[in-house]
Amino acid sequence: MIDSPISRYRKYWNEIVNYQNILSCLHWDMEVTMPSNGSEERAAQVTQLSSLCHKIFISQDFERLIEGASNYIHKISPPEKILLERELQILQRERDRAIKLPIHIVENFANTTSLAHSVWVSAKKNQNFKEFQNSLNDIVNTSKEIAELYGYKNERYDALLENYEIGMTGNMLSNLFADLKKSIIPIVEQAKTYSNPFPHHISMQKQRHFNERLPIALGLPKNSFRLDVSAHPFSTSLGRYDKRITTRYYENDPLSSIFGVLHETGHSLYEYGLSQMNDYPSPLTNAVSLGLHESQSRLWENQIGRSKAFWEYYYPIILKDFELSGSILSFEDLFNFVNTTSKTKIRVEADQITYNLHIILRFEIERDLISNNLSVSELPEIWNSKMKEYFDLEIQNSSEGVLQDIHWSSGLFGYFPTYTLGNIYSAQLFHCFINHHGDFWNDVKKAGNFSKLLNWLNKNVYQKGKIFDPTDLIQDVTGQPPNSSYLIEYLKTKQQEVG
């Protein structure tokens, strides 16, 4: 399709993707290497580039190219024709939403959130919510304005959810989470808590040596990723062969950094798989939803990283890297701690059973915040109250409470529910995989070989991109719509494994 309407449209799209990757690079640098005094200029840079991306995406030039590609499709034969029709359908849906946002709103939101990042970091360090309150209030007000511009049928929060999970609503989540909560509480009550078995502090250097092998072992090409340190673990894609992963280190709990790497590697494996699709980059070679994205990070973190086979392979390696003996750190103590269940104040440190309660808490708070049922100034009080209700824990300061997550400083309202959706999707996908690959655990235990799973995910999830909407993708892969029963069954099984 040399110099065809399709190739001209794709060339324009490629320019947009290049700008988006540059923007991702600026964000990555802001959280990993940028000195704190650079925040004001960085905010201006991010604002200008965000505005440029928005203008290009909604421009009449792009619209004409899309129309030309649409008119040309009839000359193309199936199955390529079907994929192009879906591609342009997805693109039009996204442009219809983007066009609703005036340039000044996009610029204001980019500037406000960029400046808010360093304010949040400082406020968290100082355990002072009031330091961050005004910035967050500006972000919330702009988010409400954006939701109004998008439009919605039932509630304002639905308009923001649509950015992350197509077709999802606050009411749907409320019903789903209510059922899940009822099922999880009895599991939590019966679960066992195990103490940290590491006898002394493990240096960041030792942990990093162990962690650096994990992305490669799981399947990321050695020369296509970086592993760095940030205040909050994250991953991002800066291009087809450039995936960035971060974690954070605690010398008294090395598992924190390990599971951070496993989680973020799961995201990067998905992004790498998407970038290997035919016709990359195109609107179809993006993640279908944040719920699906989180399903990949949670699958590698939990179904794999907390499995007995995983640790049977890595146990001797961790003893060597951490300079420990089996008499000091027994396999049983390590495996029990990996799967311990205990009520914690910090979401990213939560076990796989109680984790969903952390998400439900955040979902309820931000839904009320966007719906004007809660003010920003009331956040610490309501947060502390819900932590007492759900976990029977007393919050001592804002850093271990309302300031612990980066998401709201980035304006990501509607993002948190995708974590629990990811847990539901991951359990269902892995159940389907293991039914067809019963010998997989032997590969892991004996050789640390995860290729069967990676190949299966690449074929059934990564290479599907946005060909299906999220719930349709789950149906296509597993033969059933999303079903939380697989998550409940998985958690019950994990509870029986330890002890």
Protein backbone atom coordinates (compact mmCIF):
# COMPACT_ATOMS: atom_id res chain seq x y z
CA MET A 1 0.00 0.00 0.00
CA ILE A 2 2.73 2.42 -1.08
CA ASP A 3 1.44 6.00 -1.08
CA SER A 4 -2.15 4.79 -0.63
CA PRO A 5 -4.74 6.57 1.57
CA ILE A 6 -4.02 3.89 4.17
CA SER A 7 -0.26 4.49 4.17
CA ARG A 8 -0.76 8.28 4.35
CA TYR A 9 -3.13 7.94 7.29
CA ARG A 10 -0.72 5.54 9.02
CA LYS A 11 2.20 7.91 8.50
CA TYR A 12 0.29 10.66 10.27
CA TRP A 13 -0.62 8.25 13.08
CA ASN A 14 3.04 7.32 13.45
CA GLU A 15 3.90 10.99 14.03
CA ILE A 16 1.33 11.13 16.84
CA VAL A 17 2.82 8.00 18.43
CA ASN A 18 6.31 9.50 18.25
CA TYR A 19 5.14 12.59 20.13
CA GLN A 20 3.36 10.41 22.70
CA ASN A 21 6.53 8.40 23.27
CA ILE A 22 8.53 11.60 23.77
CA LEU A 23 5.91 12.69 26.29
CA SER A 24 6.25 9.35 28.08
CA CYS A 25 10.00 9.89 28.18
CA LEU A 26 9.51 13.26 29.87
CA HIS A 27 7.21 11.67 32.46
CA TRP A 28 9.64 8.80 33.07
CA ASP A 29 12.54 11.20 33.55
CA MET A 30 10.42 13.35 35.88
CA GLU A 31 9.89 10.41 38.23
CA VAL A 32 13.31 8.75 37.94
CA THR A 33 16.17 11.14 37.25
CA MET A 34 14.99 14.77 37.11
CA PRO A 35 16.28 17.04 39.91
CA SER A 36 13.49 18.52 42.01
CA ASN A 37 14.23 22.07 40.86
CA GLY A 38 13.39 21.08 37.29
CA SER A 39 9.69 20.54 38.00
CA GLU A 40 8.45 23.97 36.85
CA GLU A 41 10.18 23.87 33.48
CA ARG A 42 9.21 20.22 33.02
CA ALA A 43 5.58 21.11 33.64
CA ALA A 44 5.79 23.70 30.85
CA GLN A 45 7.40 21.15 28.51
CA VAL A 46 4.76 18.50 29.25
CA THR A 47 1.99 21.06 28.84
CA GLN A 48 3.25 22.22 25.45
CA LEU A 49 3.75 18.70 24.12
CA SER A 50 0.39 17.46 25.49
CA SER A 51 -1.29 20.38 23.76
CA LEU A 52 0.52 19.60 20.50
CA CYS A 53 -0.52 15.92 20.65
CA HIS A 54 -4.12 16.89 21.25
CA LYS A 55 -4.17 19.43 18.42
CA ILE A 56 -2.69 16.94 15.95
CA PHE A 57 -5.08 14.19 17.03
CA ILE A 58 -8.24 16.29 16.58
CA SER A 59 -7.02 18.27 13.55
CA GLN A 60 -8.95 18.54 10.30
CA ASP A 61 -5.88 17.28 8.44
CA PHE A 62 -6.09 14.03 10.36
CA GLU A 63 -9.84 13.87 9.83
CA ARG A 64 -9.36 14.14 6.07
CA LEU A 65 -6.76 11.37 6.11
CA ILE A 66 -9.12 9.14 8.12
CA GLU A 67 -11.94 9.82 5.66
CA GLY A 68 -9.62 8.97 2.78
CA ALA A 69 -8.64 5.69 4.44
CA SER A 70 -12.31 4.88 5.15
CA ASN A 71 -13.26 5.47 1.52
CA TYR A 72 -10.38 3.26 0.35
CA ILE A 73 -11.27 0.22 2.50
CA HIS A 74 -13.67 -1.25 -0.08
CA LYS A 75 -10.66 -1.90 -2.32
CA ILE A 76 -9.04 -4.15 0.29
CA SER A 77 -9.79 -7.85 0.70
CA PRO A 78 -10.66 -9.65 3.95
CA PRO A 79 -9.30 -10.30 6.54
CA GLU A 80 -7.25 -7.09 6.31
CA LYS A 81 -10.41 -5.16 5.45
CA ILE A 82 -12.13 -6.31 8.65
CA LEU A 83 -9.16 -5.26 10.80
CA LEU A 84 -8.95 -1.86 9.12
CA GLU A 85 -12.65 -1.28 9.69
CA ARG A 86 -12.18 -2.09 13.37
CA GLU A 87 -9.08 0.11 13.53
CA LEU A 88 -10.91 3.13 12.15
CA GLN A 89 -13.89 2.44 14.38
CA ILE A 90 -11.65 2.51 17.46
CA LEU A 91 -9.90 5.64 16.23
CA GLN A 92 -13.17 7.46 15.59
CA ARG A 93 -14.45 6.56 19.05
CA GLU A 94 -11.32 7.99 20.65
CA ARG A 95 -11.35 11.13 18.51
CA ASP A 96 -15.01 11.77 19.29
CA ARG A 97 -14.05 11.96 22.98
CA ALA A 98 -10.88 13.97 22.42
CA ILE A 99 -12.65 16.57 20.29
CA LYS A 100 -14.91 17.36 23.25
CA LEU A 101 -11.92 18.75 25.18
CA PRO A 102 -10.84 22.32 24.35
CA ILE A 103 -7.12 22.93 24.04
CA HIS A 104 -6.98 25.13 27.14
CA ILE A 105 -8.45 22.31 29.26
CA VAL A 106 -5.81 19.86 28.01
CA GLU A 107 -3.04 22.36 28.66
CA ASN A 108 -4.35 23.26 32.10
CA PHE A 109 -4.68 19.63 33.14
CA ALA A 110 -1.20 18.71 31.89
CA ASN A 111 0.36 21.69 33.66
CA THR A 112 -1.54 21.15 36.90
CA THR A 113 -0.71 17.46 37.18
CA SER A 114 2.94 17.95 36.20
CA LEU A 115 3.41 20.56 38.93
CA ALA A 116 1.43 18.45 41.38
CA HIS A 117 3.85 15.53 41.14
CA SER A 118 6.68 17.26 42.99
CA VAL A 119 4.21 18.76 45.48
CA TRP A 120 2.88 15.27 46.22
CA VAL A 121 6.40 13.88 46.66
CA SER A 122 7.23 16.63 49.14
CA ALA A 123 3.91 16.35 51.00
CA LYS A 124 4.31 12.59 51.32
CA LYS A 125 7.85 12.99 52.60
CA ASN A 126 6.70 15.61 55.11
CA GLN A 127 3.56 13.63 56.07
CA ASN A 128 1.56 16.79 55.44
CA PHE A 129 -1.68 16.53 53.46
CA LYS A 130 -2.35 20.27 53.61
CA GLU A 131 0.79 20.83 51.58
CA PHE A 132 -0.85 18.92 48.72
CA GLN A 133 -4.49 19.91 49.31
CA ASN A 134 -4.68 22.92 46.97
CA SER A 135 -3.00 21.07 44.10
CA LEU A 136 -5.35 18.12 44.50
CA ASN A 137 -8.35 20.42 44.67
CA ASP A 138 -7.34 21.94 41.31
CA ILE A 139 -6.94 18.46 39.80
CA VAL A 140 -10.32 17.31 41.10
CA ASN A 141 -12.10 20.41 39.78
CA THR A 142 -10.50 20.02 36.34
CA SER A 143 -11.39 16.31 36.31
CA LYS A 144 -15.02 17.18 37.03
CA GLU A 145 -14.96 19.71 34.21
CA ILE A 146 -13.51 17.13 31.83
CA ALA A 147 -16.19 14.62 32.83
CA GLU A 148 -18.90 17.17 32.08
CA LEU A 149 -17.39 17.83 28.66
CA TYR A 150 -17.28 14.11 27.88
CA GLY A 151 -20.89 13.68 29.00
CA TYR A 152 -22.53 10.76 30.80
CA LYS A 153 -25.89 9.09 31.37
CA ASN A 154 -25.95 8.32 35.07
CA GLU A 155 -23.09 9.92 36.98
CA ARG A 156 -20.04 12.06 36.34
CA TYR A 157 -17.64 9.33 37.46
CA ASP A 158 -18.77 7.11 34.56
CA ALA A 159 -17.27 9.56 32.06
CA LEU A 160 -13.83 9.18 33.67
CA LEU A 161 -14.10 5.38 33.95
CA GLU A 162 -14.57 5.25 30.19
CA ASN A 163 -10.96 6.45 29.78
CA TYR A 164 -9.72 3.23 31.32
CA GLU A 165 -12.40 0.54 30.87
CA ILE A 166 -14.80 0.90 27.95
CA GLY A 167 -18.44 0.39 28.94
CA MET A 168 -17.80 0.25 32.69
CA THR A 169 -19.96 2.31 35.08
CA GLY A 170 -19.89 3.17 38.75
CA ASN A 171 -23.04 1.15 39.37
CA MET A 172 -21.60 -1.91 37.65
CA LEU A 173 -18.45 -1.68 39.74
CA SER A 174 -20.41 -1.12 42.92
CA ASN A 175 -22.40 -4.31 42.36
CA LEU A 176 -19.33 -6.32 41.34
CA PHE A 177 -17.27 -5.10 44.28
CA ALA A 178 -20.10 -5.69 46.78
CA ASP A 179 -20.27 -9.36 45.78
CA LEU A 180 -16.49 -9.69 45.82
CA LYS A 181 -16.26 -8.06 49.23
CA LYS A 182 -18.74 -10.56 50.68
CA SER A 183 -16.68 -13.45 49.36
CA ILE A 184 -13.30 -12.09 50.44
CA ILE A 185 -14.12 -11.25 54.05
CA PRO A 186 -14.54 -14.92 55.14
CA ILE A 187 -11.28 -15.81 53.38
CA VAL A 188 -9.46 -13.02 55.23
CA GLU A 189 -10.87 -14.17 58.55
CA GLN A 190 -9.54 -17.71 58.03
CA ALA A 191 -6.22 -16.76 56.45
CA LYS A 192 -2.91 -17.02 58.31
CA THR A 193 -0.32 -14.35 58.97
CA TYR A 194 3.40 -15.14 58.85
CA SER A 195 6.23 -12.95 60.05
CA ASN A 196 9.07 -11.64 57.92
CA PRO A 197 11.66 -14.47 57.82
CA PHE A 198 14.61 -12.39 56.63
CA PRO A 199 17.05 -12.28 59.57
CA HIS A 200 18.67 -8.95 58.77
CA HIS A 201 18.48 -6.09 56.33
CA ILE A 202 19.19 -7.00 52.72
CA SER A 203 21.02 -4.23 50.90
CA MET A 204 19.58 -2.54 47.85
CA GLN A 205 22.61 -3.76 45.86
CA LYS A 206 21.86 -7.41 46.65
CA GLN A 207 18.18 -7.00 45.89
CA ARG A 208 18.91 -5.28 42.62
CA HIS A 209 21.24 -8.07 41.55
CA PHE A 210 18.43 -10.57 42.09
CA ASN A 211 15.77 -8.34 40.48
CA GLU A 212 17.70 -7.60 37.30
CA ARG A 213 17.44 -11.22 36.14
CA LEU A 214 13.63 -11.39 36.53
CA PRO A 215 12.43 -9.39 33.48
CA ILE A 216 14.73 -11.41 31.21
CA ALA A 217 13.64 -14.70 32.77
CA LEU A 218 9.98 -13.83 32.25
CA GLY A 219 10.60 -12.99 28.60
CA LEU A 220 11.60 -9.36 28.09
CA PRO A 221 14.53 -9.05 25.65
CA LYS A 222 17.68 -7.99 27.50
CA ASN A 223 18.34 -4.91 25.39
CA SER A 224 14.73 -3.67 25.32
CA PHE A 225 14.19 -2.54 28.91
CA ARG A 226 15.66 -0.62 31.85
CA LEU A 227 15.13 -1.21 35.58
CA ASP A 228 15.34 1.89 37.77
CA VAL A 229 14.22 3.28 41.14
CA SER A 230 11.27 5.62 41.74
CA ALA A 231 9.12 6.79 44.63
CA HIS A 232 6.26 4.65 43.31
CA PRO A 233 6.84 1.57 41.10
CA PHE A 234 5.63 1.99 37.52
CA SER A 235 6.31 0.92 33.96
CA THR A 236 6.00 2.77 30.68
CA SER A 237 6.71 2.27 27.01
CA LEU A 238 8.91 4.75 25.14
CA GLY A 239 8.89 2.87 21.86
CA ARG A 240 8.71 -0.53 20.22
CA TYR A 241 11.95 -1.75 21.82
CA ASP A 242 12.17 0.56 24.82
CA LYS A 243 10.28 -0.50 27.96
CA ARG A 244 10.98 1.13 31.32
CA ILE A 245 10.43 -0.53 34.70
CA THR A 246 10.90 0.92 38.18
CA THR A 247 10.65 -0.43 41.69
CA ARG A 248 11.51 0.76 45.18
CA TYR A 249 13.63 -0.85 47.85
CA TYR A 250 13.22 -1.56 51.55
CA GLU A 251 16.18 -3.28 53.19
CA ASN A 252 13.95 -4.90 55.81
CA ASP A 253 11.58 -6.39 53.19
CA PRO A 254 13.25 -7.42 49.93
CA LEU A 255 10.04 -9.05 48.68
CA SER A 256 8.60 -5.56 48.17
CA SER A 257 11.06 -4.77 45.38
CA ILE A 258 10.81 -8.28 43.93
CA PHE A 259 7.04 -8.17 43.56
CA GLY A 260 7.28 -4.61 42.26
CA VAL A 261 9.54 -5.86 39.47
CA LEU A 262 7.29 -8.85 38.70
CA HIS A 263 4.24 -6.59 38.57
CA GLU A 264 5.80 -3.95 36.34
CA THR A 265 7.43 -6.57 34.11
CA GLY A 266 3.95 -7.95 33.50
CA HIS A 267 2.92 -4.53 32.17
CA SER A 268 6.01 -4.32 29.99
CA LEU A 269 5.55 -7.83 28.59
CA TYR A 270 2.06 -6.80 27.47
CA GLU A 271 3.39 -3.59 25.91
CA TYR A 272 6.22 -5.46 24.20
CA GLY A 273 3.76 -8.01 22.80
CA LEU A 274 1.49 -5.24 21.51
CA SER A 275 4.43 -3.53 19.82
CA GLN A 276 5.23 -6.72 17.90
CA MET A 277 1.80 -6.81 16.24
CA ASN A 278 1.51 -6.40 12.49
CA ASP A 279 1.07 -2.79 11.31
CA TYR A 280 2.59 -1.39 14.52
CA PRO A 281 1.97 1.36 15.39
CA SER A 282 -1.76 1.62 14.76
CA PRO A 283 -4.84 2.25 16.92
CA LEU A 284 -5.23 -1.55 17.16
CA THR A 285 -1.75 -2.10 18.60
CA ASN A 286 -2.57 -0.41 21.91
CA ALA A 287 -3.79 -1.95 25.17
CA VAL A 288 -7.52 -2.62 25.03
CA SER A 289 -8.10 -1.40 28.60
CA LEU A 290 -6.40 -0.73 31.91
CA GLY A 291 -8.21 -3.72 33.39
CA LEU A 292 -6.55 -5.98 30.81
CA HIS A 293 -3.25 -4.20 31.42
CA GLU A 294 -3.53 -4.82 35.15
CA SER A 295 -4.51 -8.44 34.53
CA GLN A 296 -1.06 -8.96 33.02
CA SER A 297 0.84 -7.34 35.87
CA ARG A 298 -1.23 -9.15 38.50
CA LEU A 299 -0.94 -12.50 36.71
CA TRP A 300 2.86 -12.42 36.70
CA GLU A 301 2.99 -10.99 40.21
CA ASN A 302 0.50 -13.36 41.84
CA GLN A 303 -0.32 -16.49 39.85
CA ILE A 304 3.37 -16.84 38.95
CA GLY A 305 5.34 -14.90 41.57
CA ARG A 306 3.51 -16.39 44.56
CA SER A 307 3.45 -19.95 43.24
CA LYS A 308 5.35 -22.79 44.89
CA ALA A 309 7.03 -23.75 41.61
CA PHE A 310 8.42 -20.23 41.16
CA TRP A 311 10.05 -20.24 44.56
CA GLU A 312 11.25 -23.83 44.31
CA TYR A 313 13.34 -22.63 41.38
CA TYR A 314 14.40 -19.25 42.82
CA TYR A 315 14.95 -20.32 46.45
CA PRO A 316 18.60 -21.39 46.00
CA ILE A 317 19.23 -18.31 43.86
CA ILE A 318 17.90 -15.91 46.48
CA LEU A 319 19.95 -17.65 49.19
CA LYS A 320 23.09 -17.13 47.11
CA ASP A 321 22.33 -13.53 46.12
CA PHE A 322 21.35 -12.50 49.65
CA GLU A 323 24.21 -14.50 51.22
CA LEU A 324 21.90 -16.56 53.43
CA SER A 325 21.82 -20.23 54.39
CA GLY A 326 18.86 -22.58 54.36
CA SER A 327 19.05 -22.89 58.14
CA ILE A 328 18.60 -19.13 58.45
CA LEU A 329 15.92 -18.75 55.75
CA SER A 330 13.97 -21.96 55.25
CA PHE A 331 11.91 -22.56 52.13
CA GLU A 332 8.76 -23.05 54.19
CA ASP A 333 9.19 -19.74 56.02
CA LEU A 334 9.89 -17.91 52.77
CA PHE A 335 6.95 -19.43 50.89
CA ASN A 336 4.56 -18.81 53.78
CA PHE A 337 5.64 -15.18 53.97
CA VAL A 338 5.23 -14.78 50.20
CA ASN A 339 1.60 -15.85 50.66
CA THR A 340 0.92 -14.36 54.07
CA THR A 341 -2.34 -12.55 54.68
CA SER A 342 -2.26 -9.56 56.99
CA LYS A 343 -4.03 -6.25 57.16
CA THR A 344 -1.71 -3.49 56.07
CA LYS A 345 -2.03 0.26 55.64
CA ILE A 346 -0.16 0.36 52.32
CA ARG A 347 -1.85 -0.85 49.14
CA VAL A 348 1.29 -1.81 47.22
CA GLU A 349 2.45 -3.88 50.21
CA ALA A 350 -0.92 -5.63 50.56
CA ASP A 351 -1.27 -9.37 50.10
CA GLN A 352 -3.28 -10.73 47.20
CA ILE A 353 -6.36 -11.39 49.35
CA THR A 354 -6.75 -8.06 51.17
CA TYR A 355 -5.52 -6.04 48.16
CA ASN A 356 -9.02 -5.81 46.72
CA LEU A 357 -10.31 -4.13 49.90
CA HIS A 358 -7.73 -1.39 49.33
CA ILE A 359 -9.12 -0.88 45.83
CA ILE A 360 -12.74 -0.84 46.99
CA LEU A 361 -11.84 1.83 49.56
CA ARG A 362 -10.27 4.04 46.89
CA PHE A 363 -13.10 3.45 44.43
CA GLU A 364 -15.70 4.53 46.97
CA ILE A 365 -13.76 7.64 47.95
CA GLU A 366 -12.95 8.91 44.46
CA ARG A 367 -16.48 8.18 43.24
CA ASP A 368 -17.86 10.39 46.01
CA LEU A 369 -15.18 12.99 45.33
CA ILE A 370 -16.09 13.31 41.65
CA SER A 371 -19.82 13.25 42.45
CA ASN A 372 -19.55 16.19 44.90
CA ASN A 373 -20.46 13.98 47.86
CA LEU A 374 -17.04 14.58 49.37
CA SER A 375 -14.63 17.52 49.43
CA VAL A 376 -10.86 17.35 49.13
CA SER A 377 -10.43 18.73 52.64
CA GLU A 378 -12.41 15.76 54.02
CA LEU A 379 -10.19 13.14 52.37
CA PRO A 380 -7.89 12.33 55.33
CA GLU A 381 -10.82 11.90 57.68
CA ILE A 382 -12.87 9.65 55.38
CA TRP A 383 -9.76 7.67 54.40
CA ASN A 384 -8.84 7.02 58.03
CA SER A 385 -12.43 6.11 58.85
CA LYS A 386 -12.66 3.52 56.06
CA MET A 387 -9.28 2.03 57.00
CA LYS A 388 -10.62 1.51 60.50
CA GLU A 389 -13.86 0.00 59.14
CA TYR A 390 -12.28 -2.34 56.56
CA PHE A 391 -8.97 -3.20 58.24
CA ASP A 392 -9.33 -2.15 61.88
CA LEU A 393 -6.16 -0.12 61.45
CA GLU A 394 -5.35 3.34 62.81
CA ILE A 395 -3.67 5.72 60.36
CA GLN A 396 -0.93 7.69 62.09
CA ASN A 397 -0.06 10.14 59.29
CA SER A 398 -1.06 11.06 55.73
CA SER A 399 1.96 9.34 54.17
CA GLU A 400 0.66 5.95 55.25
CA GLY A 401 -2.88 7.09 54.43
CA VAL A 402 -4.31 9.35 51.79
CA LEU A 403 -0.94 10.43 50.36
CA GLN A 404 0.46 6.95 49.74
CA ASP A 405 -0.55 6.62 46.05
CA ILE A 406 0.64 8.70 43.10
CA HIS A 407 -2.55 8.28 41.05
CA TRP A 408 -4.59 11.29 42.16
CA SER A 409 -1.62 13.63 41.74
CA SER A 410 -1.63 12.51 38.10
CA GLY A 411 -5.38 13.03 37.74
CA LEU A 412 -6.04 9.31 37.23
CA PHE A 413 -9.57 9.19 38.60
CA GLY A 414 -11.21 5.95 37.47
CA TYR A 415 -7.88 4.08 37.33
CA PHE A 416 -8.00 2.32 40.73
CA PRO A 417 -10.95 -0.01 39.94
CA THR A 418 -8.97 -1.50 37.06
CA TYR A 419 -6.65 -3.18 39.59
CA THR A 420 -9.45 -5.38 40.90
CA LEU A 421 -10.81 -5.90 37.40
CA GLY A 422 -7.29 -7.01 36.54
CA ASN A 423 -7.34 -9.52 39.39
CA ILE A 424 -10.62 -10.94 38.08
CA TYR A 425 -9.37 -11.11 34.48
CA SER A 426 -6.00 -12.61 35.44
CA ALA A 427 -7.51 -15.44 37.49
CA GLN A 428 -9.88 -16.33 34.67
CA LEU A 429 -7.19 -16.18 31.98
CA PHE A 430 -4.72 -18.24 33.99
CA HIS A 431 -7.37 -20.86 34.80
CA CYS A 432 -7.95 -21.23 31.07
CA PHE A 433 -4.21 -21.47 30.35
CA ILE A 434 -3.40 -24.06 33.00
CA ASN A 435 -6.29 -26.26 31.85
CA HIS A 436 -4.49 -26.64 28.52
CA HIS A 437 -0.91 -26.70 29.85
CA GLY A 438 -0.85 -28.91 32.92
CA ASP A 439 2.91 -29.49 32.59
CA PHE A 440 3.71 -25.78 32.90
CA TRP A 441 4.60 -25.93 36.60
CA ASN A 442 7.23 -28.58 35.94
CA ASP A 443 8.90 -26.24 33.45
CA VAL A 444 8.97 -23.49 36.07
CA LYS A 445 10.15 -25.67 38.95
CA LYS A 446 12.94 -27.41 37.05
CA ALA A 447 14.25 -24.70 34.75
CA GLY A 448 12.54 -21.38 35.55
CA ASN A 449 10.99 -21.63 32.09
CA PHE A 450 7.90 -19.46 31.55
CA SER A 451 7.81 -19.68 27.76
CA LYS A 452 4.59 -21.71 27.53
CA LEU A 453 2.68 -19.02 29.40
CA LEU A 454 4.31 -16.14 27.55
CA ASN A 455 3.61 -17.75 24.17
CA TRP A 456 0.01 -18.44 25.15
CA LEU A 457 -0.53 -14.86 26.34
CA ASN A 458 1.16 -13.49 23.24
CA LYS A 459 -1.17 -15.46 20.98
CA ASN A 460 -4.40 -14.99 22.94
CA VAL A 461 -4.00 -11.55 24.53
CA TYR A 462 -1.03 -9.49 23.32
CA GLN A 463 -1.55 -10.06 19.59
CA LYS A 464 -5.26 -9.26 19.90
CA GLY A 465 -4.57 -5.60 20.79
CA LYS A 466 -7.84 -3.69 20.45
CA ILE A 467 -9.43 -6.09 17.99
CA PHE A 468 -11.95 -6.86 20.76
CA ASP A 469 -13.31 -4.73 23.58
CA PRO A 470 -12.14 -5.99 27.00
CA THR A 471 -15.14 -8.11 28.02
CA ASP A 472 -15.35 -9.54 24.49
CA LEU A 473 -11.66 -10.46 24.63
CA ILE A 474 -12.15 -12.39 27.88
CA GLN A 475 -15.13 -14.16 26.29
CA ASP A 476 -13.12 -14.96 23.16
CA VAL A 477 -10.16 -16.41 25.10
CA THR A 478 -11.89 -18.25 27.94
CA GLY A 479 -15.31 -18.97 26.46
CA GLN A 480 -17.04 -17.05 29.26
CA PRO A 481 -17.70 -13.40 30.13
CA PRO A 482 -15.69 -11.96 33.05
CA ASN A 483 -16.45 -13.99 36.16
CA SER A 484 -15.11 -13.26 39.65
CA SER A 485 -15.60 -16.88 40.76
CA TYR A 486 -12.17 -17.81 39.35
CA LEU A 487 -10.51 -15.17 41.54
CA ILE A 488 -12.35 -16.41 44.63
CA GLU A 489 -11.40 -20.01 43.88
CA TYR A 490 -7.77 -19.03 43.31
CA LEU A 491 -7.60 -17.16 46.63
CA LYS A 492 -9.14 -20.09 48.50
CA THR A 493 -6.60 -22.45 46.95
CA LYS A 494 -3.69 -20.17 47.89
CA GLN A 495 -4.93 -20.08 51.47
CA GLN A 496 -4.80 -23.87 51.62
CA GLU A 497 -1.27 -24.01 50.19
CA VAL A 498 0.46 -22.33 53.13
CA GLY A 499 0.99 -23.51 56.66
